[in-house]
Every structure is written in structure tokens, then in C-alpha cells.
């Protein structure tokens, strides 16, 4: 939940995210965002007039297939979507997810993700600073943690001077996109028999212990 959920994110969030991470111009960012929406939505209508893709595009490929018209089931599925080359995927994969309800955990989100949600650089950097506590180091006993959504804006406003427009921006993003907890976790484990023989397991587990994804490398 510290990442952008490509099954839930709105067009404007995806567009902003691609401009930040790749980076790219408005036109390409809009095309990539539209291609994700058209892959996951249930209809065959293009989200934008030019640059997006539905069945007509995918059927024209050397090895044709149909647009899924359903939610992403694994992250690697992005490689089937128009515009998502290996290079693009490598740049974005650590910031996106398919798990959770779509709200981003403000206690663990990176500045990049906070930017993509619509917060300006000043607010995003102060959220990171606030989380680190007085010693400025994440993961120590004095860290600040948001426990409920209703304390996000008051706590930050008390700690830092924000303009009226920044408070409005923070209120809007908090109401639409932010949460304070995570229920899905990425786990990577490596076992080594010797220098030449090892096994890496990558999995996603829910808080209740249910395994949602498992891959052995």
C-alpha cells in the first residue's frame, strides 16, 4: 500500500506518475495512463482518441491477443500493455502494485508516490521529515506515525507552516487517496546452500497470512 495501485488509480494520478518517474512529456504520459485504463476496463472504447489501445491494436500485433478488459492479476502483465517495454517496466515496477484497495499508506509512501497523488514537493518532503521524528532517521523510536486519517492534516499543520492552498491540497489528497495502514506485504527470501546454489522466493502475503503471489527464482 505504499505504492500506486494500477488497478485502482485514476487517469490523472497515472499521468502524473509517468511524467515524474520516466520522465516523459504530457502526450506520452497520457498515452501510457490511457493504455492501463483501457486494459483493465470492461469496455472496448478508447480512453483518449489517440495513443491508447483496445482490441484493434492488440489484434494487429505479430502475435495477436485481446485486451484483457479486466484487472491486472500480476504486475508482469504490464508488459502486455501498449507502451510498456522492458525499459519502462524496470523504471516503474518499484512504485506500482496490484494489491490493496487503492489508498496509499502515508506512513510508508515514497516522495515519488506522494508527488504522483497530487501533493507538491514541499508537502511531500515535510511528510517524510515528519515521519522521521526529531532525529531525522526513519526506523527509530522517535518516529511519528499517523494512526487515523483524521489526524493527517492537523498533525502536519501543527508541525509545519502551510499556506491555505497547501492545506486545501493536503485535505483533498488525504480524503481521496491516503490511508494509514497496510494489509498486503512483499516478502523476499534467499536461501543459499553454497556460493553457486541459491534460491530466491518472492511472495505477497496479506496481514492474515494468506499468500496472494509466489514465485521462485
C-alpha atoms as a PDB file:
ATOM      1  CA  UNK A   1       0.000   0.000   0.000  1.00  0.00           C
ATOM      2  CA  UNK A   2       2.994   2.347  -0.167  1.00  0.00           C
ATOM      3  CA  UNK A   3       2.711   2.193  -3.960  1.00  0.00           C
ATOM      4  CA  UNK A   4       0.386   3.324  -6.756  1.00  0.00           C
ATOM      5  CA  UNK A   5      -2.251   0.655  -7.392  1.00  0.00           C
ATOM      6  CA  UNK A   6      -2.609   0.344 -11.171  1.00  0.00           C
ATOM      7  CA  UNK A   7      -5.925  -1.468 -10.731  1.00  0.00           C
ATOM      8  CA  UNK A   8      -7.406   1.497  -8.853  1.00  0.00           C
ATOM      9  CA  UNK A   9      -5.521   4.680  -9.774  1.00  0.00           C
ATOM     10  CA  UNK A  10      -7.321   7.375 -11.714  1.00  0.00           C
ATOM     11  CA  UNK A  11      -6.075   8.685 -15.060  1.00  0.00           C
ATOM     12  CA  UNK A  12      -4.654  11.918 -13.611  1.00  0.00           C
ATOM     13  CA  UNK A  13      -2.632  10.059 -10.967  1.00  0.00           C
ATOM     14  CA  UNK A  14      -1.159   7.667 -13.523  1.00  0.00           C
ATOM     15  CA  UNK A  15      -0.385  10.527 -15.918  1.00  0.00           C
ATOM     16  CA  UNK A  16       1.392  12.489 -13.197  1.00  0.00           C
ATOM     17  CA  UNK A  17       3.272   9.375 -12.065  1.00  0.00           C
ATOM     18  CA  UNK A  18       4.682   8.633 -15.532  1.00  0.00           C
ATOM     19  CA  UNK A  19       5.829  12.226 -16.006  1.00  0.00           C
ATOM     20  CA  UNK A  20       7.706  12.039 -12.705  1.00  0.00           C
ATOM     21  CA  UNK A  21       9.278   8.576 -12.948  1.00  0.00           C
ATOM     22  CA  UNK A  22      10.187   8.095 -16.601  1.00  0.00           C
ATOM     23  CA  UNK A  23      10.279  11.167 -17.120  1.00  0.00           C
ATOM     24  CA  UNK A  24       8.279  11.939 -20.254  1.00  0.00           C
ATOM     25  CA  UNK A  25       6.169  14.639 -21.889  1.00  0.00           C
ATOM     26  CA  UNK A  26       2.430  15.146 -21.382  1.00  0.00           C
ATOM     27  CA  UNK A  27       1.452  13.275 -24.543  1.00  0.00           C
ATOM     28  CA  UNK A  28       3.343  10.074 -23.700  1.00  0.00           C
ATOM     29  CA  UNK A  29       2.234  10.160 -20.062  1.00  0.00           C
ATOM     30  CA  UNK A  30      -1.398  10.449 -21.162  1.00  0.00           C
ATOM     31  CA  UNK A  31      -0.994   7.577 -23.630  1.00  0.00           C
ATOM     32  CA  UNK A  32       0.518   5.265 -21.008  1.00  0.00           C
ATOM     33  CA  UNK A  33      -2.167   6.141 -18.481  1.00  0.00           C
ATOM     34  CA  UNK A  34      -4.914   5.565 -21.051  1.00  0.00           C
ATOM     35  CA  UNK A  35      -3.443   2.212 -22.081  1.00  0.00           C
ATOM     36  CA  UNK A  36      -3.616   0.997 -18.475  1.00  0.00           C
ATOM     37  CA  UNK A  37      -7.224   2.161 -18.134  1.00  0.00           C
ATOM     38  CA  UNK A  38      -8.228   0.521 -21.415  1.00  0.00           C
ATOM     39  CA  UNK A  39      -6.518  -2.739 -20.499  1.00  0.00           C
ATOM     40  CA  UNK A  40      -8.367  -3.006 -17.171  1.00  0.00           C
ATOM     41  CA  UNK A  41     -11.798  -1.543 -18.025  1.00  0.00           C
ATOM     42  CA  UNK A  42     -14.677  -3.713 -19.226  1.00  0.00           C
ATOM     43  CA  UNK A  43     -15.440  -1.877 -22.471  1.00  0.00           C
ATOM     44  CA  UNK A  44     -13.763  -1.584 -25.868  1.00  0.00           C
ATOM     45  CA  UNK A  45     -13.825   2.218 -26.089  1.00  0.00           C
ATOM     46  CA  UNK A  46     -10.575   4.183 -26.167  1.00  0.00           C
ATOM     47  CA  UNK A  47      -9.957   6.389 -23.122  1.00  0.00           C
ATOM     48  CA  UNK A  48      -8.314   9.025 -25.314  1.00  0.00           C
ATOM     49  CA  UNK A  49      -8.725   9.465 -29.088  1.00  0.00           C
ATOM     50  CA  UNK A  50      -5.083   8.834 -29.981  1.00  0.00           C
ATOM     51  CA  UNK A  51      -2.320   6.717 -28.465  1.00  0.00           C
ATOM     52  CA  UNK A  52      -4.387   4.361 -26.361  1.00  0.00           C
ATOM     53  CA  UNK A  53      -5.147   0.733 -27.244  1.00  0.00           C
ATOM     54  CA  UNK A  54      -8.006  -1.733 -27.307  1.00  0.00           C
ATOM     55  CA  UNK A  55      -8.561  -4.984 -29.216  1.00  0.00           C
ATOM     56  CA  UNK A  56      -7.881  -3.474 -32.654  1.00  0.00           C
ATOM     57  CA  UNK A  57      -4.306  -2.621 -31.686  1.00  0.00           C
ATOM     58  CA  UNK A  58      -3.537  -5.894 -29.892  1.00  0.00           C
ATOM     59  CA  UNK A  59      -5.068  -7.988 -32.686  1.00  0.00           C
ATOM     60  CA  UNK A  60      -2.717  -6.290 -35.178  1.00  0.00           C
ATOM     61  CA  UNK A  61       0.463  -7.421 -33.402  1.00  0.00           C
ATOM     62  CA  UNK A  62       2.686 -10.175 -34.898  1.00  0.00           C
ATOM     63  CA  UNK A  63       1.474 -12.465 -32.093  1.00  0.00           C
ATOM     64  CA  UNK A  64      -2.054 -11.157 -31.558  1.00  0.00           C
ATOM     65  CA  UNK A  65      -4.098 -11.262 -28.388  1.00  0.00           C
ATOM     66  CA  UNK A  66      -7.063  -9.349 -26.951  1.00  0.00           C
ATOM     67  CA  UNK A  67      -7.157  -6.503 -24.466  1.00  0.00           C
ATOM     68  CA  UNK A  68      -7.872  -8.108 -21.108  1.00  0.00           C
ATOM     69  CA  UNK A  69     -10.765  -5.800 -20.123  1.00  0.00           C
ATOM     70  CA  UNK A  70     -10.254  -6.849 -16.527  1.00  0.00           C
ATOM     71  CA  UNK A  71      -7.982  -6.042 -13.599  1.00  0.00           C
ATOM     72  CA  UNK A  72      -4.282  -6.878 -13.564  1.00  0.00           C
ATOM     73  CA  UNK A  73      -3.577 -10.174 -11.779  1.00  0.00           C
ATOM     74  CA  UNK A  74       0.233  -9.996 -11.724  1.00  0.00           C
ATOM     75  CA  UNK A  75       2.454  -6.971 -12.146  1.00  0.00           C
ATOM     76  CA  UNK A  76       4.359  -8.511 -15.064  1.00  0.00           C
ATOM     77  CA  UNK A  77       1.101  -8.327 -17.027  1.00  0.00           C
ATOM     78  CA  UNK A  78       2.020  -4.690 -17.670  1.00  0.00           C
ATOM     79  CA  UNK A  79       4.470  -5.966 -20.299  1.00  0.00           C
ATOM     80  CA  UNK A  80       1.477  -6.959 -22.437  1.00  0.00           C
ATOM     81  CA  UNK A  81       0.135  -3.397 -22.444  1.00  0.00           C
ATOM     82  CA  UNK A  82       0.971  -1.000 -25.277  1.00  0.00           C
ATOM     83  CA  UNK A  83       3.914   1.264 -24.456  1.00  0.00           C
ATOM     84  CA  UNK A  84       5.276  -0.793 -21.575  1.00  0.00           C
ATOM     85  CA  UNK A  85       8.633  -2.030 -22.786  1.00  0.00           C
ATOM     86  CA  UNK A  86      11.135  -3.793 -20.543  1.00  0.00           C
ATOM     87  CA  UNK A  87      12.868  -0.444 -20.048  1.00  0.00           C
ATOM     88  CA  UNK A  88       9.683   1.334 -18.920  1.00  0.00           C
ATOM     89  CA  UNK A  89       8.719  -1.572 -16.675  1.00  0.00           C
ATOM     90  CA  UNK A  90      12.098  -1.560 -14.916  1.00  0.00           C
ATOM     91  CA  UNK A  91      11.752   2.150 -14.153  1.00  0.00           C
ATOM     92  CA  UNK A  92       8.261   1.953 -12.669  1.00  0.00           C
ATOM     93  CA  UNK A  93       7.983  -1.529 -11.108  1.00  0.00           C
ATOM     94  CA  UNK A  94       9.160  -0.497  -7.628  1.00  0.00           C
ATOM     95  CA  UNK A  95       6.484   2.195  -7.384  1.00  0.00           C
ATOM     96  CA  UNK A  96       3.400   0.286  -8.530  1.00  0.00           C
ATOM     97  CA  UNK A  97       1.284  -2.569  -7.203  1.00  0.00           C
ATOM     98  CA  UNK A  98      -1.893  -4.505  -7.975  1.00  0.00           C
ATOM     99  CA  UNK A  99      -2.744  -5.258  -4.344  1.00  0.00           C
ATOM    100  CA  UNK A 100      -4.893  -3.402  -1.819  1.00  0.00           C
ATOM    101  CA  UNK A 101      -7.900  -1.131  -2.079  1.00  0.00           C
ATOM    102  CA  UNK A 102      -6.061   1.748  -3.747  1.00  0.00           C
ATOM    103  CA  UNK A 103      -5.312   4.063  -0.826  1.00  0.00           C
ATOM    104  CA  UNK A 104      -1.618   4.776  -0.290  1.00  0.00           C
ATOM    105  CA  UNK A 105      -0.151   4.354   3.191  1.00  0.00           C
ATOM    106  CA  UNK A 106       1.147   7.798   4.162  1.00  0.00           C
ATOM    107  CA  UNK A 107       3.376   6.198   6.817  1.00  0.00           C
ATOM    108  CA  UNK A 108       5.463   4.339   4.236  1.00  0.00           C
ATOM    109  CA  UNK A 109       4.929   6.040   0.846  1.00  0.00           C
ATOM    110  CA  UNK A 110       7.938   7.464  -1.005  1.00  0.00           C
ATOM    111  CA  UNK A 111       8.142  11.094  -2.121  1.00  0.00           C
ATOM    112  CA  UNK A 112       7.673   9.966  -5.728  1.00  0.00           C
ATOM    113  CA  UNK A 113       4.341   8.341  -4.887  1.00  0.00           C
ATOM    114  CA  UNK A 114       3.218  11.328  -2.817  1.00  0.00           C
ATOM    115  CA  UNK A 115       4.027  13.613  -5.781  1.00  0.00           C
ATOM    116  CA  UNK A 116       2.000  11.382  -8.087  1.00  0.00           C
ATOM    117  CA  UNK A 117      -1.025  11.619  -5.811  1.00  0.00           C
ATOM    118  CA  UNK A 118      -1.003  15.391  -6.284  1.00  0.00           C
ATOM    119  CA  UNK A 119       0.979  16.753  -3.340  1.00  0.00           C
ATOM    120  CA  UNK A 120       3.566  19.424  -4.093  1.00  0.00           C
ATOM    121  CA  UNK A 121       7.263  18.937  -3.364  1.00  0.00           C
ATOM    122  CA  UNK A 122       7.181  20.970  -0.150  1.00  0.00           C
ATOM    123  CA  UNK A 123       4.319  18.969   1.382  1.00  0.00           C
ATOM    124  CA  UNK A 124       5.765  15.611   0.311  1.00  0.00           C
ATOM    125  CA  UNK A 125       9.209  16.379   1.751  1.00  0.00           C
ATOM    126  CA  UNK A 126       7.669  17.541   5.033  1.00  0.00           C
ATOM    127  CA  UNK A 127       5.656  14.326   5.335  1.00  0.00           C
ATOM    128  CA  UNK A 128       8.905  12.346   5.030  1.00  0.00           C
ATOM    129  CA  UNK A 129      10.580  14.681   7.543  1.00  0.00           C
ATOM    130  CA  UNK A 130       7.666  14.404   9.984  1.00  0.00           C
ATOM    131  CA  UNK A 131       7.717  10.605   9.834  1.00  0.00           C
ATOM    132  CA  UNK A 132      11.425  10.530  10.731  1.00  0.00           C
ATOM    133  CA  UNK A 133      10.878  12.334  14.058  1.00  0.00           C
ATOM    134  CA  UNK A 134      13.336  14.609  15.835  1.00  0.00           C
ATOM    135  CA  UNK A 135      16.437  12.587  14.989  1.00  0.00           C
ATOM    136  CA  UNK A 136      15.629  12.645  11.260  1.00  0.00           C
ATOM    137  CA  UNK A 137      16.205   8.905  10.925  1.00  0.00           C
ATOM    138  CA  UNK A 138      13.474   6.537   9.748  1.00  0.00           C
ATOM    139  CA  UNK A 139      13.046   3.379  11.823  1.00  0.00           C
ATOM    140  CA  UNK A 140      13.978   4.743  15.263  1.00  0.00           C
ATOM    141  CA  UNK A 141      11.901   5.078  18.420  1.00  0.00           C
ATOM    142  CA  UNK A 142      11.012   8.748  17.924  1.00  0.00           C
ATOM    143  CA  UNK A 143       9.365   8.238  14.502  1.00  0.00           C
ATOM    144  CA  UNK A 144       5.940   9.822  14.065  1.00  0.00           C
ATOM    145  CA  UNK A 145       3.169   7.544  12.850  1.00  0.00           C
ATOM    146  CA  UNK A 146      -0.259   8.577  11.590  1.00  0.00           C
ATOM    147  CA  UNK A 147      -2.801   6.315  13.289  1.00  0.00           C
ATOM    148  CA  UNK A 148      -6.054   7.586  11.769  1.00  0.00           C
ATOM    149  CA  UNK A 149      -6.768   9.586   8.616  1.00  0.00           C
ATOM    150  CA  UNK A 150      -8.386  12.417  10.546  1.00  0.00           C
ATOM    151  CA  UNK A 151      -5.070  13.320  12.209  1.00  0.00           C
ATOM    152  CA  UNK A 152      -3.051  13.680   8.991  1.00  0.00           C
ATOM    153  CA  UNK A 153      -3.823  17.312   8.209  1.00  0.00           C
ATOM    154  CA  UNK A 154      -3.970  18.621  11.825  1.00  0.00           C
ATOM    155  CA  UNK A 155      -0.675  16.930  12.781  1.00  0.00           C
ATOM    156  CA  UNK A 156       1.202  18.208   9.758  1.00  0.00           C
ATOM    157  CA  UNK A 157      -0.299  21.694  10.002  1.00  0.00           C
ATOM    158  CA  UNK A 158       0.764  21.907  13.638  1.00  0.00           C
ATOM    159  CA  UNK A 159       4.308  20.780  12.835  1.00  0.00           C
ATOM    160  CA  UNK A 160       4.905  22.944   9.749  1.00  0.00           C
ATOM    161  CA  UNK A 161       3.656  26.256   8.324  1.00  0.00           C
ATOM    162  CA  UNK A 162       1.458  25.568   5.294  1.00  0.00           C
ATOM    163  CA  UNK A 163      -0.348  28.076   3.132  1.00  0.00           C
ATOM    164  CA  UNK A 164      -4.138  27.938   2.824  1.00  0.00           C
ATOM    165  CA  UNK A 165      -3.810  26.427  -0.656  1.00  0.00           C
ATOM    166  CA  UNK A 166      -1.435  23.743   0.641  1.00  0.00           C
ATOM    167  CA  UNK A 167      -3.848  22.818   3.438  1.00  0.00           C
ATOM    168  CA  UNK A 168      -6.623  22.551   0.849  1.00  0.00           C
ATOM    169  CA  UNK A 169      -4.393  20.369  -1.330  1.00  0.00           C
ATOM    170  CA  UNK A 170      -3.489  18.124   1.605  1.00  0.00           C
ATOM    171  CA  UNK A 171      -7.131  17.801   2.657  1.00  0.00           C
ATOM    172  CA  UNK A 172      -8.159  16.811  -0.866  1.00  0.00           C
ATOM    173  CA  UNK A 173      -5.454  14.193  -1.351  1.00  0.00           C
ATOM    174  CA  UNK A 174      -5.915  12.779   2.157  1.00  0.00           C
ATOM    175  CA  UNK A 175      -9.652  12.367   1.599  1.00  0.00           C
ATOM    176  CA  UNK A 176      -9.300  10.708  -1.801  1.00  0.00           C
ATOM    177  CA  UNK A 177      -6.049   8.783  -1.803  1.00  0.00           C
ATOM    178  CA  UNK A 178      -4.321   8.364   1.555  1.00  0.00           C
ATOM    179  CA  UNK A 179      -4.541   5.696   4.242  1.00  0.00           C
ATOM    180  CA  UNK A 180      -2.573   4.967   7.410  1.00  0.00           C
ATOM    181  CA  UNK A 181      -2.061   1.198   7.312  1.00  0.00           C
ATOM    182  CA  UNK A 182      -1.081  -1.693   5.045  1.00  0.00           C
ATOM    183  CA  UNK A 183      -2.628  -5.134   4.708  1.00  0.00           C
ATOM    184  CA  UNK A 184      -0.517  -6.576   1.881  1.00  0.00           C
ATOM    185  CA  UNK A 185       3.228  -7.117   2.123  1.00  0.00           C
ATOM    186  CA  UNK A 186       6.006  -8.057  -0.293  1.00  0.00           C
ATOM    187  CA  UNK A 187       8.367 -10.707   1.103  1.00  0.00           C
ATOM    188  CA  UNK A 188      11.664 -11.767  -0.478  1.00  0.00           C
ATOM    189  CA  UNK A 189      13.657 -14.629   0.995  1.00  0.00           C
ATOM    190  CA  UNK A 190      17.017 -16.007  -0.183  1.00  0.00           C
ATOM    191  CA  UNK A 191      18.382 -19.449   0.728  1.00  0.00           C
ATOM    192  CA  UNK A 192      21.994 -20.373  -0.076  1.00  0.00           C
ATOM    193  CA  UNK A 193      23.479 -23.860   0.019  1.00  0.00           C
ATOM    194  CA  UNK A 194      26.855 -22.591  -1.149  1.00  0.00           C
ATOM    195  CA  UNK A 195      28.319 -19.823  -3.318  1.00  0.00           C
ATOM    196  CA  UNK A 196      26.854 -21.326  -6.501  1.00  0.00           C
ATOM    197  CA  UNK A 197      23.494 -22.625  -5.375  1.00  0.00           C
ATOM    198  CA  UNK A 198      20.767 -20.329  -4.110  1.00  0.00           C
ATOM    199  CA  UNK A 199      17.017 -19.900  -4.322  1.00  0.00           C
ATOM    200  CA  UNK A 200      15.058 -16.664  -4.103  1.00  0.00           C
ATOM    201  CA  UNK A 201      11.377 -16.677  -3.245  1.00  0.00           C
ATOM    202  CA  UNK A 202       9.305 -13.566  -3.904  1.00  0.00           C
ATOM    203  CA  UNK A 203       5.808 -13.504  -2.473  1.00  0.00           C
ATOM    204  CA  UNK A 204       2.956 -11.218  -1.487  1.00  0.00           C
ATOM    205  CA  UNK A 205       1.067 -12.018   1.708  1.00  0.00           C
ATOM    206  CA  UNK A 206      -1.951 -10.472   3.384  1.00  0.00           C
ATOM    207  CA  UNK A 207      -1.843  -9.499   7.030  1.00  0.00           C
ATOM    208  CA  UNK A 208      -3.959 -12.568   7.862  1.00  0.00           C
ATOM    209  CA  UNK A 209      -1.282 -14.844   6.355  1.00  0.00           C
ATOM    210  CA  UNK A 210      -2.965 -15.615   3.031  1.00  0.00           C
ATOM    211  CA  UNK A 211      -0.447 -15.916   0.179  1.00  0.00           C
ATOM    212  CA  UNK A 212      -1.513 -13.892  -2.869  1.00  0.00           C
ATOM    213  CA  UNK A 213       1.560 -14.420  -5.035  1.00  0.00           C
ATOM    214  CA  UNK A 214       4.519 -16.828  -5.007  1.00  0.00           C
ATOM    215  CA  UNK A 215       7.472 -17.023  -7.362  1.00  0.00           C
ATOM    216  CA  UNK A 216      10.690 -18.999  -7.056  1.00  0.00           C
ATOM    217  CA  UNK A 217      13.726 -17.722  -8.933  1.00  0.00           C
END
